[in-house]
Amino acid sequence: MAEPKTRATTASVAGYIRKLPEAARREDCTDLVELMKSVTGKDPVMWGTDIVGFDTYTMTYADGRELDWPITGFSPRKTSLVLYIPGLRNFGTAVKKLGKCKASGGCLHIKKLDDVDLKLLKALIADSVKAKKAKRK
């Protein structure tokens, strides 16, 4: 069985963000780090080469395989910021009120943070993290 490629690393999150080509994207990522850190109480960790994750849980696949994965996190992709929010499907009403964004599975795609209500985004992430931690116990 192949080992997963995306794992927690010791790479610097701040260094990763500093290397992003656009100043506005660097600022949004810095703001997301602060927001997610305040919600989880955990420092950010690089997962693979381009995911910034916070806290962990053990994900179990249908075949019984297990994988450690961040409870929440984000990745600055070429066309949008992708936020990883477990259980996002359960927050449909909140997502609709966020502003200009697109939900897909457990991912929220945002062009820039100015497009969404940050207070509502923080509450949505907090509810997701709380639900995931409750299942972890």
Foldseek 3Di string as FASTA:
>chain_A
DDDDQWAWDQDDPLVLLVPDDDPQSSVQQVVVQVLVCVLQVAHWTGIHNFKTAGPWAWDADPVGDIDIDGLWTWGQDPQFIKIQFPPVVVVVVLLVQFFDWDDDHRIITHRHNVRGDVVSVSVSNNVRSVVVVVVRD
